[in-house]
Protein backbone atom coordinates (compact mmCIF):
# COMPACT_ATOMS: atom_id res chain seq x y z
CA MET A 1 31.72 -17.04 15.14
CA THR A 2 27.93 -17.37 14.96
CA THR A 3 27.86 -16.45 11.26
CA ALA A 4 30.72 -18.84 10.49
CA ARG A 5 28.97 -21.74 12.21
CA LYS A 6 25.74 -20.94 10.35
CA VAL A 7 27.45 -20.88 6.96
CA GLN A 8 29.32 -24.08 7.69
CA GLY A 9 26.11 -25.80 8.73
CA ILE A 10 24.33 -24.82 5.52
CA ASN A 11 27.24 -25.94 3.37
CA ASN A 12 27.19 -29.32 5.12
CA GLY A 13 23.53 -29.72 4.15
CA SER A 14 21.99 -29.55 7.64
CA VAL A 15 19.11 -27.26 6.64
CA LEU A 16 16.32 -28.07 4.19
CA HIS A 17 15.40 -25.19 1.85
CA VAL A 18 11.96 -25.11 0.25
CA ALA A 19 10.60 -22.72 -2.40
CA PHE A 20 6.88 -22.53 -3.20
CA GLU A 21 5.65 -21.61 -6.68
CA LEU A 22 1.98 -20.97 -5.93
CA GLY A 23 -0.68 -21.51 -8.56
CA ARG A 24 -4.45 -21.45 -8.48
CA GLU A 25 -4.87 -25.24 -8.83
CA GLN A 26 -1.38 -26.61 -8.13
CA TRP A 27 1.70 -25.73 -6.10
CA LYS A 28 5.23 -26.66 -7.16
CA LEU A 29 7.76 -27.25 -4.36
CA ALA A 30 11.52 -27.13 -4.87
CA PHE A 31 13.78 -28.71 -2.20
CA THR A 32 17.53 -28.46 -1.75
CA VAL A 33 20.14 -28.51 1.02
CA GLY A 34 22.79 -26.25 -0.48
CA MET A 35 24.41 -24.73 -3.52
CA GLY A 36 25.51 -26.78 -6.52
CA GLN A 37 22.76 -29.37 -6.18
CA ALA A 38 19.82 -29.91 -8.52
CA PRO A 39 16.60 -29.17 -6.59
CA ARG A 40 14.06 -31.89 -5.88
CA LEU A 41 10.78 -30.77 -7.52
CA ARG A 42 7.35 -31.98 -6.42
CA ASN A 43 3.75 -30.99 -7.20
CA VAL A 44 0.93 -30.78 -4.65
CA THR A 45 -2.67 -29.65 -4.88
CA ALA A 46 -3.14 -26.01 -3.93
CA HIS A 47 -4.03 -25.47 -0.26
CA ASP A 48 -3.30 -29.11 0.60
CA ARG A 49 -1.36 -28.57 3.83
CA ALA A 50 -1.10 -32.28 4.65
CA ALA A 51 0.56 -32.89 1.27
CA VAL A 52 3.07 -30.10 1.94
CA LEU A 53 4.07 -31.61 5.28
CA ARG A 54 4.31 -35.04 3.70
CA GLU A 55 6.62 -33.77 0.94
CA ILE A 56 8.82 -32.01 3.50
CA GLY A 57 9.18 -35.28 5.40
CA LEU A 58 10.02 -37.21 2.21
CA ALA A 59 12.58 -34.57 1.23
CA LYS A 60 14.32 -34.89 4.59
CA ARG A 61 14.64 -38.64 4.12
CA ARG A 62 15.80 -38.16 0.52
CA PHE A 63 18.61 -35.83 1.60
CA GLY A 64 19.52 -37.87 4.70
CA LEU A 65 18.39 -35.24 7.21
CA PRO A 66 17.03 -36.04 10.66
CA GLU A 67 13.31 -35.53 11.28
CA ASP A 68 13.99 -32.50 13.47
CA ALA A 69 16.23 -30.78 10.89
CA PRO A 70 15.38 -27.07 10.47
CA VAL A 71 13.37 -26.06 7.39
CA VAL A 72 13.58 -22.67 5.67
CA SER A 73 11.02 -21.77 2.99
CA CYS A 74 9.97 -18.86 0.80
CA TYR A 75 7.32 -17.83 -1.70
CA GLU A 76 6.46 -14.72 -3.68
CA ALA A 77 3.99 -12.19 -2.32
CA GLY A 78 0.77 -12.39 -4.29
CA ARG A 79 -2.80 -13.62 -4.27
CA ASP A 80 -2.36 -16.02 -1.34
CA GLY A 81 -1.41 -13.21 1.02
CA PHE A 82 -0.07 -14.04 4.48
CA TRP A 83 -2.09 -17.06 5.57
CA LEU A 84 0.43 -19.57 4.22
CA HIS A 85 3.29 -17.77 6.00
CA ARG A 86 1.43 -17.90 9.31
CA TRP A 87 0.66 -21.60 8.90
CA LEU A 88 4.27 -22.46 7.97
CA MET A 89 5.56 -20.56 10.99
CA SER A 90 3.07 -22.37 13.24
CA VAL A 91 4.40 -25.80 12.13
CA GLY A 92 8.04 -24.82 12.69
CA VAL A 93 9.03 -23.77 9.16
CA ASP A 94 11.02 -20.51 9.02
CA ASN A 95 9.36 -18.78 6.08
CA ARG A 96 10.14 -15.65 4.03
CA ILE A 97 7.72 -13.79 1.78
CA ILE A 98 9.62 -12.29 -1.16
CA ASP A 99 8.84 -9.07 -2.99
CA SER A 100 8.34 -10.26 -6.58
CA SER A 101 9.79 -7.11 -8.14
CA SER A 102 13.11 -7.63 -6.32
CA ILE A 103 13.85 -11.09 -7.76
CA GLU A 104 16.78 -11.35 -10.16
CA VAL A 105 15.78 -12.26 -13.72
CA ASN A 106 17.57 -12.78 -17.00
CA ARG A 107 17.53 -9.58 -19.06
CA LYS A 108 17.21 -11.32 -22.44
CA GLN A 109 14.27 -10.11 -24.50
CA ARG A 110 13.00 -13.66 -24.83
CA ARG A 111 13.61 -15.99 -21.93
CA ALA A 112 12.09 -19.29 -20.90
CA LYS A 113 9.65 -19.09 -18.01
CA ASN A 114 7.55 -21.77 -16.34
CA ASP A 115 6.79 -23.01 -12.83
CA HIS A 116 9.69 -25.47 -12.96
CA LEU A 117 12.27 -22.78 -13.76
CA ASP A 118 10.73 -20.27 -11.34
CA ALA A 119 10.78 -22.69 -8.39
CA ASP A 120 14.35 -23.73 -9.25
CA ALA A 121 15.56 -20.12 -9.36
CA LEU A 122 13.67 -19.19 -6.19
CA VAL A 123 15.17 -21.95 -4.05
CA ARG A 124 18.69 -21.07 -5.25
CA LEU A 125 18.08 -17.45 -4.26
CA LEU A 126 16.86 -18.65 -0.86
CA VAL A 127 20.12 -20.54 -0.28
CA ARG A 128 22.14 -17.45 -1.22
CA TYR A 129 20.03 -15.34 1.14
CA GLU A 130 20.55 -17.75 4.04
CA LEU A 131 24.30 -17.82 3.35
CA GLY A 132 24.41 -14.08 4.00
CA GLU A 133 23.75 -12.47 0.60
CA LYS A 134 20.89 -10.28 1.81
CA LYS A 135 20.75 -8.19 -1.37
CA CYS A 136 19.56 -11.00 -3.65
CA PHE A 137 15.90 -10.22 -2.88
CA SER A 138 13.73 -8.16 -0.54
CA VAL A 139 11.68 -9.74 2.23
CA VAL A 140 8.15 -8.52 2.94
CA ARG A 141 7.39 -7.50 6.51
CA VAL A 142 4.33 -9.46 7.64
CA PRO A 143 1.65 -7.83 9.81
CA THR A 144 -0.26 -9.66 12.48
CA ASP A 145 -3.84 -10.80 11.92
CA GLU A 146 -5.14 -7.82 13.88
CA GLN A 147 -2.92 -5.34 12.05
CA GLU A 148 -3.96 -6.72 8.69
CA ASP A 149 -7.61 -6.62 9.67
CA GLN A 150 -7.36 -2.95 10.63
CA ARG A 151 -6.59 -2.00 7.01
CA HIS A 152 -9.95 -3.03 5.56
CA LEU A 153 -12.03 0.01 6.51
CA HIS A 154 -10.07 2.66 4.63
CA ARG A 155 -9.24 0.37 1.71
CA GLU A 156 -12.92 -0.46 1.23
CA MET A 157 -13.75 3.23 1.47
CA MET A 158 -11.23 4.08 -1.25
CA ALA A 159 -12.56 1.32 -3.51
CA LEU A 160 -16.14 2.51 -3.01
CA LYS A 161 -15.18 6.11 -3.76
CA ASP A 162 -13.52 5.02 -7.00
CA GLU A 163 -16.63 3.03 -7.89
CA CYS A 164 -18.82 6.02 -7.08
CA THR A 165 -16.68 8.24 -9.30
CA SER A 166 -17.01 5.70 -12.10
CA TYR A 167 -20.82 5.89 -11.95
CA VAL A 168 -20.76 9.69 -11.97
CA ASN A 169 -18.44 9.74 -14.99
CA GLN A 170 -20.70 7.32 -16.88
CA MET A 171 -23.77 9.43 -16.16
CA LYS A 172 -22.03 12.62 -17.26
CA ALA A 173 -20.76 11.00 -20.45
CA LEU A 174 -24.21 9.65 -21.38
CA THR A 175 -25.90 13.01 -20.86
CA TRP A 176 -23.14 14.87 -22.68
CA CYS A 177 -23.74 12.78 -25.82
CA HIS A 178 -27.26 14.24 -26.02
CA GLY A 179 -26.29 17.85 -25.38
CA LEU A 180 -27.21 17.73 -21.67
CA LYS A 181 -24.68 19.02 -19.18
CA LEU A 182 -24.84 17.23 -15.82
CA LYS A 183 -22.86 19.25 -13.27
CA ALA A 184 -23.25 17.03 -10.20
CA VAL A 185 -25.03 13.89 -9.05
CA ASN A 186 -27.12 14.22 -5.89
CA GLU A 187 -30.56 13.41 -4.55
CA LYS A 188 -32.15 15.84 -7.05
CA PHE A 189 -30.93 13.91 -10.10
CA PRO A 190 -34.31 12.26 -11.01
CA GLU A 191 -35.97 15.68 -10.93
CA TRP A 192 -33.20 17.17 -13.07
CA LEU A 193 -33.49 14.34 -15.58
CA SER A 194 -37.24 14.79 -16.00
CA GLU A 195 -36.84 18.53 -16.60
CA ALA A 196 -33.73 18.39 -18.84
CA ARG A 197 -34.27 19.25 -22.50
CA ARG A 198 -32.16 18.46 -25.53
CA TRP A 199 -31.21 20.83 -28.35
CA ASP A 200 -34.66 20.53 -29.96
CA GLY A 201 -36.58 20.97 -26.71
CA SER A 202 -37.43 17.28 -26.32
CA VAL A 203 -36.79 15.15 -23.26
CA ALA A 204 -34.10 12.48 -23.13
CA PRO A 205 -35.05 9.15 -24.81
CA MET A 206 -36.82 6.67 -22.55
CA GLU A 207 -34.15 3.95 -22.75
CA LEU A 208 -31.49 6.51 -21.87
CA GLN A 209 -33.53 7.72 -18.89
CA ALA A 210 -33.98 4.15 -17.68
CA ARG A 211 -30.26 3.47 -17.93
CA LEU A 212 -29.38 6.69 -16.13
CA LEU A 213 -31.84 5.93 -13.34
CA ARG A 214 -30.34 2.46 -12.88
CA LEU A 215 -26.89 4.01 -12.67
CA TYR A 216 -28.26 6.51 -10.17
CA GLU A 217 -29.63 3.69 -7.99
CA ARG A 218 -26.22 2.00 -7.95
CA TRP A 219 -24.60 5.35 -7.12
CA GLN A 220 -27.06 5.83 -4.23
CA PHE A 221 -26.28 2.38 -2.81
CA VAL A 222 -22.50 2.92 -2.94
CA HIS A 223 -22.85 6.46 -1.59
CA ARG A 224 -24.79 5.19 1.44
CA GLN A 225 -22.05 2.66 2.16
CA ILE A 226 -19.41 5.39 1.95
CA LEU A 227 -21.34 7.54 4.44
CA ALA A 228 -21.67 4.58 6.81
CA LEU A 229 -17.92 3.86 6.65
CA GLU A 230 -17.08 7.52 7.20
CA ALA A 231 -19.37 7.59 10.25
CA GLU A 232 -17.66 4.48 11.63
CA GLN A 233 -14.25 6.05 11.06
CA ARG A 234 -15.28 9.26 12.84
CA LYS A 235 -16.61 7.24 15.77
CA ARG A 236 -13.38 5.28 16.18
CA ILE A 237 -11.19 8.38 16.00
CA ARG A 238 -13.39 10.15 18.52
CA ASP A 239 -13.89 7.31 21.02
CA ASP A 240 -11.08 4.72 20.71
CA ARG A 241 -8.09 4.98 23.03
CA THR A 242 -5.83 2.50 21.27
CA PRO A 243 -2.23 3.53 20.46
CA GLN A 244 -2.90 3.55 16.72
CA VAL A 245 -5.85 5.93 17.01
CA GLU A 246 -3.84 8.13 19.37
CA LYS A 247 -1.27 8.51 16.61
CA ALA A 248 -4.01 9.41 14.13
CA ARG A 249 -5.26 12.12 16.45
CA GLN A 250 -1.71 13.39 16.86
CA LEU A 251 -1.31 13.70 13.10
CA MET A 252 -4.62 15.54 12.84
CA THR A 253 -3.29 18.29 15.10
CA LEU A 254 -1.23 19.42 12.11
CA LYS A 255 -3.09 21.83 9.87
CA GLY A 256 -3.52 20.30 6.41
CA ILE A 257 -3.68 16.66 7.67
CA GLY A 258 -7.28 15.48 7.71
CA ARG A 259 -9.15 12.51 9.09
CA CYS A 260 -8.74 10.14 6.14
CA GLY A 261 -5.06 10.97 5.60
CA ALA A 262 -4.12 10.51 9.25
CA TRP A 263 -6.08 7.25 9.48
CA MET A 264 -4.45 5.74 6.40
CA LEU A 265 -0.92 6.77 7.40
CA VAL A 266 -1.32 5.08 10.77
CA LYS A 267 -3.08 1.93 9.59
CA GLU A 268 -0.82 1.36 6.58
CA LEU A 269 2.52 2.50 7.99
CA PHE A 270 3.12 4.21 11.32
CA GLY A 271 0.80 2.04 13.42
CA TRP A 272 2.69 -1.24 13.04
CA ARG A 273 5.93 -0.77 11.07
CA GLN A 274 8.94 -0.01 13.24
CA GLY A 275 12.73 0.13 12.99
CA PHE A 276 13.29 1.98 9.71
CA ASN A 277 15.30 5.08 8.81
CA ARG A 278 14.37 7.93 6.49
CA LYS A 279 15.85 6.27 3.39
CA GLN A 280 13.96 3.05 4.03
CA LEU A 281 10.81 5.07 4.69
CA GLY A 282 11.03 6.80 1.31
CA ALA A 283 11.74 3.50 -0.45
CA LEU A 284 8.78 1.84 1.27
CA VAL A 285 6.41 4.33 -0.36
CA GLY A 286 8.27 4.33 -3.68
CA LEU A 287 9.33 7.99 -3.55
CA THR A 288 13.07 7.40 -3.92
CA PRO A 289 14.94 8.60 -7.05
CA THR A 290 16.27 6.15 -9.65
CA PRO A 291 19.36 7.62 -11.33
CA HIS A 292 20.77 6.05 -14.50
CA SER A 293 24.50 6.66 -14.83
CA SER A 294 26.76 4.82 -17.29
CA GLY A 295 29.96 6.44 -18.49
CA THR A 296 29.13 9.96 -19.60
CA ASN A 297 25.41 9.22 -19.87
CA ARG A 298 23.56 10.46 -16.78
CA ARG A 299 19.85 10.96 -16.41
CA GLU A 300 17.14 10.71 -13.78
CA GLN A 301 14.39 8.16 -14.39
CA GLY A 302 11.97 9.57 -11.81
CA ILE A 303 10.76 7.96 -8.61
CA SER A 304 10.93 4.20 -8.24
CA LYS A 305 7.18 3.59 -7.63
CA ALA A 306 8.15 0.29 -6.02
CA GLY A 307 6.39 0.80 -2.69
CA ASN A 308 2.87 1.05 -1.34
CA LYS A 309 0.89 2.78 -4.11
CA LEU A 310 -1.93 3.77 -1.73
CA LEU A 311 0.49 5.67 0.49
CA ARG A 312 2.27 7.19 -2.50
CA ARG A 313 -1.00 8.51 -3.88
CA LEU A 314 -1.94 9.82 -0.43
CA MET A 315 1.38 11.56 0.17
CA VAL A 316 1.17 13.44 -3.14
CA GLU A 317 -2.29 14.68 -2.15
CA LEU A 318 -1.05 15.63 1.32
CA GLY A 319 1.88 17.44 -0.30
CA TRP A 320 -0.52 19.75 -2.15
CA CYS A 321 -2.58 20.20 1.02
CA TRP A 322 0.55 21.07 2.99
CA VAL A 323 1.66 23.69 0.49
CA ARG A 324 -1.80 25.26 0.56
CA HIS A 325 -2.64 25.11 4.28
CA GLN A 326 0.88 25.47 5.75
CA PRO A 327 2.34 28.34 3.65
CA GLY A 328 4.48 29.51 6.56
CA SER A 329 6.21 26.18 7.08
CA ALA A 330 9.81 25.67 5.99
CA LEU A 331 8.81 22.88 3.61
CA ALA A 332 6.17 24.96 1.80
CA GLN A 333 8.55 27.92 1.50
CA TRP A 334 11.27 25.66 0.10
CA PHE A 335 8.81 24.38 -2.50
CA GLU A 336 7.82 27.91 -3.55
CA ARG A 337 11.44 28.99 -3.88
CA ARG A 338 12.58 25.88 -5.71
CA PHE A 339 9.62 25.31 -8.05
CA ARG A 340 8.15 28.72 -8.70
CA GLY A 341 8.40 28.24 -12.46
CA SER A 342 5.98 26.37 -14.71
CA VAL A 343 3.09 24.15 -13.69
CA ARG A 344 5.03 21.10 -14.89
CA GLN A 345 7.93 21.91 -12.57
CA ARG A 346 5.53 22.19 -9.63
CA ARG A 347 4.00 18.82 -10.47
CA VAL A 348 7.45 17.27 -10.51
CA GLY A 349 8.50 19.06 -7.33
CA ILE A 350 5.47 17.94 -5.34
CA THR A 351 6.93 14.41 -5.19
CA ALA A 352 9.92 15.85 -3.34
CA VAL A 353 7.52 17.60 -0.97
CA ALA A 354 5.69 14.31 -0.45
CA ARG A 355 8.89 12.49 0.53
CA LYS A 356 10.10 15.27 2.84
CA LEU A 357 6.65 15.52 4.42
CA LEU A 358 6.52 11.77 5.05
CA ILE A 359 9.85 11.92 6.89
CA ALA A 360 8.70 14.98 8.85
CA LEU A 361 5.49 13.22 9.94
CA TRP A 362 7.50 10.15 11.00
CA ARG A 363 9.76 12.32 13.16
CA TYR A 364 6.73 14.08 14.60
CA LEU A 365 5.17 10.79 15.71
CA GLU A 366 8.31 8.97 16.85
CA HIS A 367 10.35 11.80 18.35
CA GLY A 368 7.87 14.64 18.86
CA GLU A 369 9.69 16.93 16.39
CA ILE A 370 7.09 19.35 15.06
CA PRO A 371 7.80 20.29 11.41
CA GLN A 372 9.57 23.63 11.24
CA GLY A 373 7.12 26.51 10.93
CA ALA A 374 4.07 24.23 11.08
CA THR A 375 0.74 25.34 12.54
CA LEU A 376 -1.07 23.18 15.09
CA VAL A 377 -4.86 23.02 15.41
CA ASP A 378 -7.47 21.15 17.43
CA TRP A 379 -8.20 17.70 15.97
CA GLN A 380 -11.83 17.43 17.16
CA PRO A 381 -13.42 19.77 14.56
CA LYS A 382 -11.83 17.63 11.83
CA VAL A 383 -13.75 14.62 13.14
CA ASN A 384 -17.08 16.28 13.87
CA GLY A 385 -16.99 18.75 10.98
CA TRP A 386 -16.27 22.46 11.19
CA LEU A 387 -19.91 23.51 10.67
CA SER A 388 -21.32 21.27 13.40
CA HIS A 389 -18.50 22.39 15.69
CA LYS A 390 -19.54 26.01 15.21
CA ARG A 391 -23.26 25.26 15.60
CA ARG A 392 -22.62 23.81 19.04
CA GLY A 393 -21.07 27.11 20.06
CA ALA A 394 -17.59 25.68 20.55
CA PRO A 395 -14.71 28.17 20.37
CA GLU A 396 -12.53 28.34 17.29
CA ALA A 397 -9.57 26.02 17.24
CA SER A 398 -6.48 27.76 18.49
CA THR A 399 -3.40 27.63 16.34
CA VAL A 400 0.20 27.55 17.45
CA SER A 401 2.94 28.53 15.01
CA VAL A 402 6.06 26.50 15.68
CA THR A 403 9.35 27.87 14.42
């Protein structure tokens, strides 16, 4: 009865639907009260919240709605993030953030596309969604301010590590062009550069040395920031008693799951997302298969790659770590039996290990089910470092094989 009353109310035009097409300088708003009606389109200056509220009020009067009529809105996930959603919810607008890749589009090779058409199509999809057609697009789950803020530390660390790798690659490429082989970049690089000799016994050209030293200074600065962030992460894992950090420590008790991997899994996924099953979990990370079957033509297109790319990259790395450090586990033995052939087959099979491992870690955190055959270790040496743990005279971490 509740669904029937809701559908009848929407068909009678008692709810105002709003779609935002967000641009850098201008926003386009599309208003409608139901299917089969041309949307009312209006332009406002980007970030002008007073203009948005004014247009909503004018749209209610245009469609003959009372001032307290409910308003449902949507916009595509993108550069503006979640702040607009939080503001709309605070002023009484029931908002949805839509996954852009899930929106239906015309499959013609050449199709018209502009803000007018996009806003029109988006508001029609919103009406269909509110009428009960939940498959027309996917809605993004919005974290709280605190949950979103907790994701900056590891994301900044990953960005800095990529930047650091970029500097190292540039320095190696520049030295390689002159017949010099740079094996690693560390604090001894200026000394190595002054002593390095080219094929004819001469030193590197002065302009090249100056450029390499400037790259080295940038590498030093980024490297210091990485060390500071790693120290902060170790401190929080060691000292914090929040539920999220407790889950990170729980993951670190599994051999093969380190500090950075456990932290990212909790902050990006397990620490704030709830109420999903194993299929939804695999789809969230983009590790689900995408079969293509039409008549007698059947083929597999690989994984969807439609989820969180940071977690997908992490889970593939953790899959290799699991196979190496947990050889006695059921998952690692399955991988060795199933993909014992060529290197290419193992690279394909590791994505299956990544998906199975993600589900196993979810069950371990939510239900306490230890992965079959897994080995448990002490989490503290992973935070403090194995060498410092041994120097303090602490006993070796005890392992427990779970069958």
